[in-house]
Amino acid sequence: MDLQPEELQHLGPLAILRQAVTIARSSPKHFAALTLVLVFPLSFAILAHSLITHPLLAQLHHRHDSSSGSSPLAALLVFQSLYLLFLFSFSLLSTGAVVYSVACLYTSKSISFSALLSAIPRLLKPLFHTFLWVFFLMFLYYAAFVLCLLLALIFVDNDDDSFSLGIVLVIFFLGVFFGFLHIYIAAIWHLASVISVLEDSYGLAAMKKSRELLKGKMALAGMLVFVYLVACAIIGMIFSNVVVRGGEEYSTGVKFIVGFVLVGLLVLVNLVGLLVQSVFYYVCKAYHHQGIDKSALYDHLGGYLGEYVPLKSSIQMESLDM
């Protein structure tokens, strides 16, 4: 692939998707191994965890005695803690691995799965710092949502039927506002994750750079994030209704086949989403006329393998070759 900056900055969502698929096809064995080791466990855990939490929640719902209900509650808390730790770890690992792999292809740096595994420990540090800031931001986000909802419930007139109508309207507008805010934060996070791997910025600095790069491309970023979240939500709902809560309505064979297909779809969605995230970084760079010095990026990537040369060049992108 050989795209000039003028072409890159005008890529739409479908063109970005095609570039992401082209990248995966350019090194099929590498991305197949990456998917099997990192993306598949992540996707499987996202769907399969409800197979354990649903029965535990059902036990808690039917047990009113606190002593008899303590065992499933403890099991639920332990399992959820382990699940979140696993999800967090493999999310960062998958992000770092895909971003690093795409950058290696861009700079024509030789890439192997063994080299990628060697680079992963160093990739985690900047990604972890960025995640901590995002976690703090999301904590403020949910706190603000709950506070606004409580204030609305307090101040909405509770006389007659106006109370019900007022609550519905308040929840609707709060949902729309915080829904857009969630997409905005997610867009900043995804781009900041790429910046954390490819540049000498991470944490709050990476998020500030991400916000600057998103100027003029926020609508496109929001569309990409929205489509990804909707795809994941649809897959999750089907899995929950058929495999987890299907009961005797669906046979074991049907549940197994549906579950297998849905895990495969989520693996595909997650892999393509990570590739799109990487391509979108180059699109934003081109839009803001910020090139990328391939030799400097090449040296920066080598730093993850212990061959570090400081990335000091200011960027001049001539073309995107993958």
C-alpha atoms as a PDB file:
ATOM      1  CA  MET A   1       0.000   0.000   0.000  1.00  0.00           C
ATOM      2  CA  ASP A   2       1.348   3.416  -0.990  1.00  0.00           C
ATOM      3  CA  LEU A   3      -0.724   6.383   0.102  1.00  0.00           C
ATOM      4  CA  GLN A   4       0.268  10.031  -0.041  1.00  0.00           C
ATOM      5  CA  PRO A   5      -0.636  12.338   2.877  1.00  0.00           C
ATOM      6  CA  GLU A   6      -3.360  13.962   0.754  1.00  0.00           C
ATOM      7  CA  GLU A   7      -5.007  10.558   0.325  1.00  0.00           C
ATOM      8  CA  LEU A   8      -4.546   9.525   3.941  1.00  0.00           C
ATOM      9  CA  GLN A   9      -6.207  12.581   5.433  1.00  0.00           C
ATOM     10  CA  HIS A  10      -9.347  12.037   3.366  1.00  0.00           C
ATOM     11  CA  LEU A  11      -9.838   8.341   4.114  1.00  0.00           C
ATOM     12  CA  GLY A  12     -13.375   7.531   5.239  1.00  0.00           C
ATOM     13  CA  PRO A  13     -14.503   4.726   7.570  1.00  0.00           C
ATOM     14  CA  LEU A  14     -14.811   2.103   4.823  1.00  0.00           C
ATOM     15  CA  ALA A  15     -11.396   2.992   3.366  1.00  0.00           C
ATOM     16  CA  ILE A  16      -9.823   2.753   6.832  1.00  0.00           C
ATOM     17  CA  LEU A  17     -11.482  -0.623   7.296  1.00  0.00           C
ATOM     18  CA  ARG A  18     -10.098  -1.837   3.962  1.00  0.00           C
ATOM     19  CA  GLN A  19      -6.597  -0.691   4.940  1.00  0.00           C
ATOM     20  CA  ALA A  20      -6.910  -2.560   8.238  1.00  0.00           C
ATOM     21  CA  VAL A  21      -7.884  -5.773   6.432  1.00  0.00           C
ATOM     22  CA  THR A  22      -5.023  -5.261   3.952  1.00  0.00           C
ATOM     23  CA  ILE A  23      -2.541  -5.023   6.827  1.00  0.00           C
ATOM     24  CA  ALA A  24      -3.781  -8.299   8.343  1.00  0.00           C
ATOM     25  CA  ARG A  25      -3.476 -10.022   4.971  1.00  0.00           C
ATOM     26  CA  SER A  26       0.060  -8.696   4.436  1.00  0.00           C
ATOM     27  CA  SER A  27       1.389 -10.877   7.270  1.00  0.00           C
ATOM     28  CA  PRO A  28      -1.253 -13.579   7.845  1.00  0.00           C
ATOM     29  CA  LYS A  29       0.870 -15.985   9.901  1.00  0.00           C
ATOM     30  CA  HIS A  30       1.999 -13.263  12.309  1.00  0.00           C
ATOM     31  CA  PHE A  31      -1.489 -11.875  12.886  1.00  0.00           C
ATOM     32  CA  ALA A  32      -2.941 -15.389  13.135  1.00  0.00           C
ATOM     33  CA  ALA A  33      -0.491 -16.203  15.943  1.00  0.00           C
ATOM     34  CA  LEU A  34      -1.167 -12.847  17.610  1.00  0.00           C
ATOM     35  CA  THR A  35      -4.902 -13.457  17.410  1.00  0.00           C
ATOM     36  CA  LEU A  36      -4.683 -16.992  18.778  1.00  0.00           C
ATOM     37  CA  VAL A  37      -2.475 -16.064  21.756  1.00  0.00           C
ATOM     38  CA  LEU A  38      -3.897 -12.649  22.716  1.00  0.00           C
ATOM     39  CA  VAL A  39      -7.107 -11.590  20.954  1.00  0.00           C
ATOM     40  CA  PHE A  40      -8.893 -14.948  21.202  1.00  0.00           C
ATOM     41  CA  PRO A  41      -8.469 -15.352  25.005  1.00  0.00           C
ATOM     42  CA  LEU A  42      -9.638 -11.749  25.461  1.00  0.00           C
ATOM     43  CA  SER A  43     -12.733 -12.225  23.294  1.00  0.00           C
ATOM     44  CA  PHE A  44     -13.573 -15.622  24.795  1.00  0.00           C
ATOM     45  CA  ALA A  45     -13.342 -14.237  28.341  1.00  0.00           C
ATOM     46  CA  ILE A  46     -15.599 -11.271  27.512  1.00  0.00           C
ATOM     47  CA  LEU A  47     -18.424 -13.596  26.465  1.00  0.00           C
ATOM     48  CA  ALA A  48     -17.813 -16.681  28.600  1.00  0.00           C
ATOM     49  CA  HIS A  49     -17.578 -14.919  31.967  1.00  0.00           C
ATOM     50  CA  SER A  50     -21.379 -14.569  32.063  1.00  0.00           C
ATOM     51  CA  LEU A  51     -21.668 -18.369  32.016  1.00  0.00           C
ATOM     52  CA  ILE A  52     -20.248 -18.325  35.546  1.00  0.00           C
ATOM     53  CA  THR A  53     -21.592 -15.038  36.896  1.00  0.00           C
ATOM     54  CA  HIS A  54     -25.196 -15.734  35.807  1.00  0.00           C
ATOM     55  CA  PRO A  55     -25.615 -18.891  37.969  1.00  0.00           C
ATOM     56  CA  LEU A  56     -23.928 -17.166  40.924  1.00  0.00           C
ATOM     57  CA  LEU A  57     -26.241 -14.156  40.610  1.00  0.00           C
ATOM     58  CA  ALA A  58     -29.225 -16.511  40.392  1.00  0.00           C
ATOM     59  CA  GLN A  59     -28.155 -18.220  43.628  1.00  0.00           C
ATOM     60  CA  LEU A  60     -27.828 -14.872  45.386  1.00  0.00           C
ATOM     61  CA  HIS A  61     -31.245 -13.803  44.154  1.00  0.00           C
ATOM     62  CA  HIS A  62     -32.936 -16.884  45.621  1.00  0.00           C
ATOM     63  CA  ARG A  63     -31.112 -16.877  48.927  1.00  0.00           C
ATOM     64  CA  HIS A  64     -32.429 -14.558  51.598  1.00  0.00           C
ATOM     65  CA  ASP A  65     -30.398 -15.904  54.512  1.00  0.00           C
ATOM     66  CA  SER A  66     -27.120 -13.933  54.736  1.00  0.00           C
ATOM     67  CA  SER A  67     -25.092 -16.854  56.048  1.00  0.00           C
ATOM     68  CA  SER A  68     -26.175 -19.219  53.293  1.00  0.00           C
ATOM     69  CA  GLY A  69     -25.682 -16.519  50.681  1.00  0.00           C
ATOM     70  CA  SER A  70     -22.143 -15.620  51.721  1.00  0.00           C
ATOM     71  CA  SER A  71     -20.525 -18.461  49.781  1.00  0.00           C
ATOM     72  CA  PRO A  72     -21.828 -17.538  46.296  1.00  0.00           C
ATOM     73  CA  LEU A  73     -21.217 -13.853  47.043  1.00  0.00           C
ATOM     74  CA  ALA A  74     -17.590 -14.535  47.927  1.00  0.00           C
ATOM     75  CA  ALA A  75     -17.185 -16.707  44.842  1.00  0.00           C
ATOM     76  CA  LEU A  76     -18.709 -13.971  42.692  1.00  0.00           C
ATOM     77  CA  LEU A  77     -16.401 -11.284  44.079  1.00  0.00           C
ATOM     78  CA  VAL A  78     -13.301 -13.449  43.629  1.00  0.00           C
ATOM     79  CA  PHE A  79     -14.270 -14.441  40.103  1.00  0.00           C
ATOM     80  CA  GLN A  80     -15.098 -10.867  39.058  1.00  0.00           C
ATOM     81  CA  SER A  81     -11.768  -9.639  40.433  1.00  0.00           C
ATOM     82  CA  LEU A  82      -9.846 -12.299  38.515  1.00  0.00           C
ATOM     83  CA  TYR A  83     -11.904 -11.605  35.400  1.00  0.00           C
ATOM     84  CA  LEU A  84     -11.209  -7.859  35.490  1.00  0.00           C
ATOM     85  CA  LEU A  85      -7.493  -8.498  36.018  1.00  0.00           C
ATOM     86  CA  PHE A  86      -7.445 -10.895  33.054  1.00  0.00           C
ATOM     87  CA  LEU A  87      -9.466  -8.503  30.896  1.00  0.00           C
ATOM     88  CA  PHE A  88      -7.234  -5.554  31.764  1.00  0.00           C
ATOM     89  CA  SER A  89      -4.019  -7.506  31.102  1.00  0.00           C
ATOM     90  CA  PHE A  90      -5.024  -9.009  27.767  1.00  0.00           C
ATOM     91  CA  SER A  91      -6.573  -5.756  26.583  1.00  0.00           C
ATOM     92  CA  LEU A  92      -3.270  -3.935  27.065  1.00  0.00           C
ATOM     93  CA  LEU A  93      -1.286  -6.846  25.615  1.00  0.00           C
ATOM     94  CA  SER A  94      -3.471  -7.043  22.511  1.00  0.00           C
ATOM     95  CA  THR A  95      -3.372  -3.286  21.957  1.00  0.00           C
ATOM     96  CA  GLY A  96       0.395  -3.072  22.323  1.00  0.00           C
ATOM     97  CA  ALA A  97       1.008  -6.105  20.116  1.00  0.00           C
ATOM     98  CA  VAL A  98      -1.182  -4.909  17.237  1.00  0.00           C
ATOM     99  CA  VAL A  99       0.067  -1.304  17.301  1.00  0.00           C
ATOM    100  CA  TYR A 100       3.670  -2.479  17.429  1.00  0.00           C
ATOM    101  CA  SER A 101       3.123  -4.954  14.578  1.00  0.00           C
ATOM    102  CA  VAL A 102       1.495  -2.377  12.298  1.00  0.00           C
ATOM    103  CA  ALA A 103       4.305   0.102  12.977  1.00  0.00           C
ATOM    104  CA  CYS A 104       6.905  -2.551  12.120  1.00  0.00           C
ATOM    105  CA  LEU A 105       5.190  -3.179   8.783  1.00  0.00           C
ATOM    106  CA  TYR A 106       5.050   0.579   8.166  1.00  0.00           C
ATOM    107  CA  THR A 107       8.782   1.011   8.763  1.00  0.00           C
ATOM    108  CA  SER A 108       9.695  -2.238   6.954  1.00  0.00           C
ATOM    109  CA  LYS A 109      11.178  -3.539  10.200  1.00  0.00           C
ATOM    110  CA  SER A 110      11.480  -7.312  10.326  1.00  0.00           C
ATOM    111  CA  ILE A 111       8.838  -8.762  12.581  1.00  0.00           C
ATOM    112  CA  SER A 112       8.382 -12.134  14.176  1.00  0.00           C
ATOM    113  CA  PHE A 113       6.113 -13.353  16.919  1.00  0.00           C
ATOM    114  CA  SER A 114       9.078 -14.203  19.139  1.00  0.00           C
ATOM    115  CA  ALA A 115      10.397 -10.624  18.757  1.00  0.00           C
ATOM    116  CA  LEU A 116       6.941  -9.307  19.572  1.00  0.00           C
ATOM    117  CA  LEU A 117       6.854 -11.360  22.776  1.00  0.00           C
ATOM    118  CA  SER A 118      10.240  -9.890  23.719  1.00  0.00           C
ATOM    119  CA  ALA A 119       8.939  -6.355  23.157  1.00  0.00           C
ATOM    120  CA  ILE A 120       5.681  -6.784  25.089  1.00  0.00           C
ATOM    121  CA  PRO A 121       7.093  -6.214  28.633  1.00  0.00           C
ATOM    122  CA  ARG A 122       8.398  -2.777  27.600  1.00  0.00           C
ATOM    123  CA  LEU A 123       5.191  -2.008  25.707  1.00  0.00           C
ATOM    124  CA  LEU A 124       3.116  -2.468  28.857  1.00  0.00           C
ATOM    125  CA  LYS A 125       4.701   0.373  30.848  1.00  0.00           C
ATOM    126  CA  PRO A 126       3.517   3.320  28.695  1.00  0.00           C
ATOM    127  CA  LEU A 127       0.158   1.649  28.039  1.00  0.00           C
ATOM    128  CA  PHE A 128      -0.367   1.088  31.757  1.00  0.00           C
ATOM    129  CA  HIS A 129       0.385   4.726  32.590  1.00  0.00           C
ATOM    130  CA  THR A 130      -2.116   5.862  29.968  1.00  0.00           C
ATOM    131  CA  PHE A 131      -4.727   3.413  31.228  1.00  0.00           C
ATOM    132  CA  LEU A 132      -4.395   4.762  34.780  1.00  0.00           C
ATOM    133  CA  TRP A 133      -5.313   8.257  33.580  1.00  0.00           C
ATOM    134  CA  VAL A 134      -8.200   6.877  31.543  1.00  0.00           C
ATOM    135  CA  PHE A 135      -9.401   4.896  34.566  1.00  0.00           C
ATOM    136  CA  PHE A 136      -9.341   8.074  36.653  1.00  0.00           C
ATOM    137  CA  LEU A 137     -11.249   9.933  33.926  1.00  0.00           C
ATOM    138  CA  MET A 138     -13.849   7.167  33.685  1.00  0.00           C
ATOM    139  CA  PHE A 139     -14.267   7.227  37.469  1.00  0.00           C
ATOM    140  CA  LEU A 140     -15.065  10.939  37.264  1.00  0.00           C
ATOM    141  CA  TYR A 141     -17.382  10.222  34.335  1.00  0.00           C
ATOM    142  CA  TYR A 142     -19.478   7.673  36.222  1.00  0.00           C
ATOM    143  CA  ALA A 143     -19.460   9.802  39.381  1.00  0.00           C
ATOM    144  CA  ALA A 144     -20.754  12.775  37.374  1.00  0.00           C
ATOM    145  CA  PHE A 145     -23.445  10.610  35.765  1.00  0.00           C
ATOM    146  CA  VAL A 146     -24.705   9.300  39.102  1.00  0.00           C
ATOM    147  CA  LEU A 147     -24.603  12.800  40.636  1.00  0.00           C
ATOM    148  CA  CYS A 148     -26.557  14.337  37.745  1.00  0.00           C
ATOM    149  CA  LEU A 149     -29.127  11.560  37.927  1.00  0.00           C
ATOM    150  CA  LEU A 150     -29.588  12.012  41.679  1.00  0.00           C
ATOM    151  CA  LEU A 151     -29.908  15.785  41.332  1.00  0.00           C
ATOM    152  CA  ALA A 152     -32.472  15.329  38.574  1.00  0.00           C
ATOM    153  CA  LEU A 153     -34.521  12.968  40.733  1.00  0.00           C
ATOM    154  CA  ILE A 154     -34.446  15.504  43.572  1.00  0.00           C
ATOM    155  CA  PHE A 155     -35.441  18.556  41.569  1.00  0.00           C
ATOM    156  CA  VAL A 156     -37.932  17.037  39.129  1.00  0.00           C
ATOM    157  CA  ASP A 157     -41.487  17.881  40.191  1.00  0.00           C
ATOM    158  CA  ASN A 158     -43.065  14.748  41.679  1.00  0.00           C
ATOM    159  CA  ASP A 159     -46.689  15.884  41.441  1.00  0.00           C
ATOM    160  CA  ASP A 160     -49.170  13.712  39.524  1.00  0.00           C
ATOM    161  CA  ASP A 161     -48.084  12.230  36.189  1.00  0.00           C
ATOM    162  CA  SER A 162     -45.554  14.973  35.472  1.00  0.00           C
ATOM    163  CA  PHE A 163     -43.077  13.125  37.678  1.00  0.00           C
ATOM    164  CA  SER A 164     -43.020  10.013  35.493  1.00  0.00           C
ATOM    165  CA  LEU A 165     -42.764  12.044  32.297  1.00  0.00           C
ATOM    166  CA  GLY A 166     -40.053  14.247  33.788  1.00  0.00           C
ATOM    167  CA  ILE A 167     -37.986  11.255  34.886  1.00  0.00           C
ATOM    168  CA  VAL A 168     -38.243   9.675  31.416  1.00  0.00           C
ATOM    169  CA  LEU A 169     -37.106  12.907  29.729  1.00  0.00           C
ATOM    170  CA  VAL A 170     -34.275  13.445  32.211  1.00  0.00           C
ATOM    171  CA  ILE A 171     -32.989   9.883  31.799  1.00  0.00           C
ATOM    172  CA  PHE A 172     -33.225  10.212  28.002  1.00  0.00           C
ATOM    173  CA  PHE A 173     -31.264  13.458  27.791  1.00  0.00           C
ATOM    174  CA  LEU A 174     -28.712  12.329  30.371  1.00  0.00           C
ATOM    175  CA  GLY A 175     -28.306   9.075  28.454  1.00  0.00           C
ATOM    176  CA  VAL A 176     -27.721  10.908  25.164  1.00  0.00           C
ATOM    177  CA  PHE A 177     -25.283  13.400  26.692  1.00  0.00           C
ATOM    178  CA  PHE A 178     -23.252  10.853  28.635  1.00  0.00           C
ATOM    179  CA  GLY A 179     -23.417   8.434  25.702  1.00  0.00           C
ATOM    180  CA  PHE A 180     -21.684  10.993  23.468  1.00  0.00           C
ATOM    181  CA  LEU A 181     -19.247  11.754  26.283  1.00  0.00           C
ATOM    182  CA  HIS A 182     -18.432   8.058  26.648  1.00  0.00           C
ATOM    183  CA  ILE A 183     -17.665   7.795  22.918  1.00  0.00           C
ATOM    184  CA  TYR A 184     -15.486  10.907  23.141  1.00  0.00           C
ATOM    185  CA  ILE A 185     -13.482   9.492  26.054  1.00  0.00           C
ATOM    186  CA  ALA A 186     -13.152   6.131  24.291  1.00  0.00           C
ATOM    187  CA  ALA A 187     -11.852   7.853  21.132  1.00  0.00           C
ATOM    188  CA  ILE A 188      -9.242   9.743  23.165  1.00  0.00           C
ATOM    189  CA  TRP A 189      -8.217   6.547  24.953  1.00  0.00           C
ATOM    190  CA  HIS A 190      -7.807   4.446  21.790  1.00  0.00           C
ATOM    191  CA  LEU A 191      -5.714   7.070  20.020  1.00  0.00           C
ATOM    192  CA  ALA A 192      -3.703   7.771  23.171  1.00  0.00           C
ATOM    193  CA  SER A 193      -2.877   4.058  23.384  1.00  0.00           C
ATOM    194  CA  VAL A 194      -1.335   4.178  19.907  1.00  0.00           C
ATOM    195  CA  ILE A 195       0.589   7.336  20.810  1.00  0.00           C
ATOM    196  CA  SER A 196       1.878   5.652  23.970  1.00  0.00           C
ATOM    197  CA  VAL A 197       3.463   2.884  21.888  1.00  0.00           C
ATOM    198  CA  LEU A 198       4.758   4.902  18.932  1.00  0.00           C
ATOM    199  CA  GLU A 199       5.884   8.132  20.585  1.00  0.00           C
ATOM    200  CA  ASP A 200       7.743   9.248  23.684  1.00  0.00           C
ATOM    201  CA  SER A 201       4.497  10.356  25.329  1.00  0.00           C
ATOM    202  CA  TYR A 202       2.265   8.371  27.618  1.00  0.00           C
ATOM    203  CA  GLY A 203      -0.223   8.963  30.380  1.00  0.00           C
ATOM    204  CA  LEU A 204      -1.707  12.448  30.530  1.00  0.00           C
ATOM    205  CA  ALA A 205       0.696  13.724  27.850  1.00  0.00           C
ATOM    206  CA  ALA A 206      -0.501  11.046  25.414  1.00  0.00           C
ATOM    207  CA  MET A 207      -4.135  11.920  26.136  1.00  0.00           C
ATOM    208  CA  LYS A 208      -3.445  15.608  25.451  1.00  0.00           C
ATOM    209  CA  LYS A 209      -1.780  14.712  22.140  1.00  0.00           C
ATOM    210  CA  SER A 210      -4.697  12.448  21.315  1.00  0.00           C
ATOM    211  CA  ARG A 211      -7.165  15.268  21.930  1.00  0.00           C
ATOM    212  CA  GLU A 212      -5.178  17.548  19.616  1.00  0.00           C
ATOM    213  CA  LEU A 213      -4.993  14.930  16.864  1.00  0.00           C
ATOM    214  CA  LEU A 214      -8.742  14.321  17.061  1.00  0.00           C
ATOM    215  CA  LYS A 215      -9.520  17.929  16.116  1.00  0.00           C
ATOM    216  CA  GLY A 216     -11.170  17.833  12.712  1.00  0.00           C
ATOM    217  CA  LYS A 217     -11.512  14.038  12.892  1.00  0.00           C
ATOM    218  CA  MET A 218     -13.778  13.659  15.912  1.00  0.00           C
ATOM    219  CA  ALA A 219     -16.843  12.802  13.838  1.00  0.00           C
ATOM    220  CA  LEU A 220     -14.945  10.010  12.081  1.00  0.00           C
ATOM    221  CA  ALA A 221     -13.485   8.772  15.367  1.00  0.00           C
ATOM    222  CA  GLY A 222     -16.922   8.811  16.998  1.00  0.00           C
ATOM    223  CA  MET A 223     -18.390   6.822  14.110  1.00  0.00           C
ATOM    224  CA  LEU A 224     -15.656   4.182  14.333  1.00  0.00           C
ATOM    225  CA  VAL A 225     -16.001   3.859  18.114  1.00  0.00           C
ATOM    226  CA  PHE A 226     -19.811   3.754  17.896  1.00  0.00           C
ATOM    227  CA  VAL A 227     -19.807   0.991  15.267  1.00  0.00           C
ATOM    228  CA  TYR A 228     -17.332  -1.030  17.329  1.00  0.00           C
ATOM    229  CA  LEU A 229     -19.368  -0.670  20.547  1.00  0.00           C
ATOM    230  CA  VAL A 230     -22.630  -1.538  18.767  1.00  0.00           C
ATOM    231  CA  ALA A 231     -21.076  -4.628  17.161  1.00  0.00           C
ATOM    232  CA  CYS A 232     -19.783  -5.810  20.550  1.00  0.00           C
ATOM    233  CA  ALA A 233     -23.138  -5.076  22.207  1.00  0.00           C
ATOM    234  CA  ILE A 234     -25.107  -7.035  19.599  1.00  0.00           C
ATOM    235  CA  ILE A 235     -22.785 -10.038  19.880  1.00  0.00           C
ATOM    236  CA  GLY A 236     -22.989  -9.875  23.676  1.00  0.00           C
ATOM    237  CA  MET A 237     -26.807  -9.677  23.723  1.00  0.00           C
ATOM    238  CA  ILE A 238     -27.216 -12.640  21.367  1.00  0.00           C
ATOM    239  CA  PHE A 239     -24.762 -14.700  23.419  1.00  0.00           C
ATOM    240  CA  SER A 240     -26.570 -13.794  26.641  1.00  0.00           C
ATOM    241  CA  ASN A 241     -30.071 -14.542  25.311  1.00  0.00           C
ATOM    242  CA  VAL A 242     -29.222 -17.784  23.515  1.00  0.00           C
ATOM    243  CA  VAL A 243     -26.250 -19.377  25.292  1.00  0.00           C
ATOM    244  CA  VAL A 244     -26.548 -18.061  28.859  1.00  0.00           C
ATOM    245  CA  ARG A 245     -30.298 -17.600  29.378  1.00  0.00           C
ATOM    246  CA  GLY A 246     -31.616 -19.814  26.602  1.00  0.00           C
ATOM    247  CA  GLY A 247     -32.727 -22.561  28.973  1.00  0.00           C
ATOM    248  CA  GLU A 248     -34.456 -25.541  27.371  1.00  0.00           C
ATOM    249  CA  GLU A 249     -35.591 -23.392  24.453  1.00  0.00           C
ATOM    250  CA  TYR A 250     -32.296 -24.157  22.711  1.00  0.00           C
ATOM    251  CA  SER A 251     -30.534 -27.515  22.666  1.00  0.00           C
ATOM    252  CA  THR A 252     -26.973 -27.920  23.899  1.00  0.00           C
ATOM    253  CA  GLY A 253     -25.790 -28.379  20.317  1.00  0.00           C
ATOM    254  CA  VAL A 254     -27.414 -25.152  19.168  1.00  0.00           C
ATOM    255  CA  LYS A 255     -25.942 -23.249  22.119  1.00  0.00           C
ATOM    256  CA  PHE A 256     -22.484 -24.628  21.368  1.00  0.00           C
ATOM    257  CA  ILE A 257     -22.647 -23.696  17.687  1.00  0.00           C
ATOM    258  CA  VAL A 258     -24.052 -20.226  18.375  1.00  0.00           C
ATOM    259  CA  GLY A 259     -21.452 -19.636  21.101  1.00  0.00           C
ATOM    260  CA  PHE A 260     -18.632 -20.795  18.821  1.00  0.00           C
ATOM    261  CA  VAL A 261     -19.758 -18.499  16.001  1.00  0.00           C
ATOM    262  CA  LEU A 262     -20.213 -15.508  18.306  1.00  0.00           C
ATOM    263  CA  VAL A 263     -16.758 -15.915  19.869  1.00  0.00           C
ATOM    264  CA  GLY A 264     -15.313 -16.055  16.352  1.00  0.00           C
ATOM    265  CA  LEU A 265     -17.180 -12.899  15.387  1.00  0.00           C
ATOM    266  CA  LEU A 266     -15.993 -11.063  18.490  1.00  0.00           C
ATOM    267  CA  VAL A 267     -12.396 -12.128  17.797  1.00  0.00           C
ATOM    268  CA  LEU A 268     -12.737 -10.670  14.291  1.00  0.00           C
ATOM    269  CA  VAL A 269     -14.337  -7.471  15.576  1.00  0.00           C
ATOM    270  CA  ASN A 270     -11.625  -6.969  18.208  1.00  0.00           C
ATOM    271  CA  LEU A 271      -8.751  -7.655  15.802  1.00  0.00           C
ATOM    272  CA  VAL A 272     -10.121  -5.381  13.095  1.00  0.00           C
ATOM    273  CA  GLY A 273     -10.898  -2.747  15.730  1.00  0.00           C
ATOM    274  CA  LEU A 274      -7.290  -2.726  16.925  1.00  0.00           C
ATOM    275  CA  LEU A 275      -6.016  -2.522  13.331  1.00  0.00           C
ATOM    276  CA  VAL A 276      -8.417   0.333  12.553  1.00  0.00           C
ATOM    277  CA  GLN A 277      -7.200   2.092  15.699  1.00  0.00           C
ATOM    278  CA  SER A 278      -3.626   1.932  14.378  1.00  0.00           C
ATOM    279  CA  VAL A 279      -4.514   3.098  10.847  1.00  0.00           C
ATOM    280  CA  PHE A 280      -6.567   5.982  12.257  1.00  0.00           C
ATOM    281  CA  TYR A 281      -3.434   7.295  13.995  1.00  0.00           C
ATOM    282  CA  TYR A 282      -1.681   7.730  10.631  1.00  0.00           C
ATOM    283  CA  VAL A 283      -4.813   9.325   9.172  1.00  0.00           C
ATOM    284  CA  CYS A 284      -4.872  11.921  11.965  1.00  0.00           C
ATOM    285  CA  LYS A 285      -1.160  12.603  11.553  1.00  0.00           C
ATOM    286  CA  ALA A 286      -1.614  13.210   7.834  1.00  0.00           C
ATOM    287  CA  TYR A 287      -4.658  15.429   8.426  1.00  0.00           C
ATOM    288  CA  HIS A 288      -2.618  17.692  10.703  1.00  0.00           C
ATOM    289  CA  HIS A 289       0.360  17.602   8.305  1.00  0.00           C
ATOM    290  CA  GLN A 290       2.502  15.837  10.870  1.00  0.00           C
ATOM    291  CA  GLY A 291       4.725  13.360   9.126  1.00  0.00           C
ATOM    292  CA  ILE A 292       6.459  10.411  10.713  1.00  0.00           C
ATOM    293  CA  ASP A 293      10.181   9.999  10.258  1.00  0.00           C
ATOM    294  CA  LYS A 294      10.419   6.295   9.444  1.00  0.00           C
ATOM    295  CA  SER A 295      14.033   5.964  10.551  1.00  0.00           C
ATOM    296  CA  ALA A 296      13.269   7.564  13.926  1.00  0.00           C
ATOM    297  CA  LEU A 297      10.202   5.375  14.388  1.00  0.00           C
ATOM    298  CA  TYR A 298      12.270   2.340  13.370  1.00  0.00           C
ATOM    299  CA  ASP A 299      14.780   3.154  16.130  1.00  0.00           C
ATOM    300  CA  HIS A 300      11.981   3.792  18.622  1.00  0.00           C
ATOM    301  CA  LEU A 301      10.480   0.369  17.921  1.00  0.00           C
ATOM    302  CA  GLY A 302      13.929  -1.154  18.379  1.00  0.00           C
ATOM    303  CA  GLY A 303      13.980   0.346  21.853  1.00  0.00           C
ATOM    304  CA  TYR A 304      11.356  -2.188  22.917  1.00  0.00           C
ATOM    305  CA  LEU A 305      13.899  -4.870  22.027  1.00  0.00           C
ATOM    306  CA  GLY A 306      16.732  -3.163  23.892  1.00  0.00           C
ATOM    307  CA  GLU A 307      18.014  -1.274  20.838  1.00  0.00           C
ATOM    308  CA  TYR A 308      16.684   2.126  21.893  1.00  0.00           C
ATOM    309  CA  VAL A 309      17.593   5.325  20.072  1.00  0.00           C
ATOM    310  CA  PRO A 310      15.665   8.410  21.325  1.00  0.00           C
ATOM    311  CA  LEU A 311      12.813   9.431  19.056  1.00  0.00           C
ATOM    312  CA  LYS A 312      13.528  13.138  18.658  1.00  0.00           C
ATOM    313  CA  SER A 313      12.735  13.754  15.020  1.00  0.00           C
ATOM    314  CA  SER A 314       9.857  15.926  14.242  1.00  0.00           C
ATOM    315  CA  ILE A 315       7.724  14.299  11.746  1.00  0.00           C
ATOM    316  CA  GLN A 316       7.675  14.442   8.006  1.00  0.00           C
ATOM    317  CA  MET A 317       5.564  11.703   6.431  1.00  0.00           C
ATOM    318  CA  GLU A 318       6.203  11.090   2.764  1.00  0.00           C
ATOM    319  CA  SER A 319       4.068   8.012   2.281  1.00  0.00           C
ATOM    320  CA  LEU A 320       2.489   5.120   4.069  1.00  0.00           C
ATOM    321  CA  ASP A 321       3.970   1.856   2.867  1.00  0.00           C
ATOM    322  CA  MET A 322       2.619  -1.398   4.245  1.00  0.00           C
END
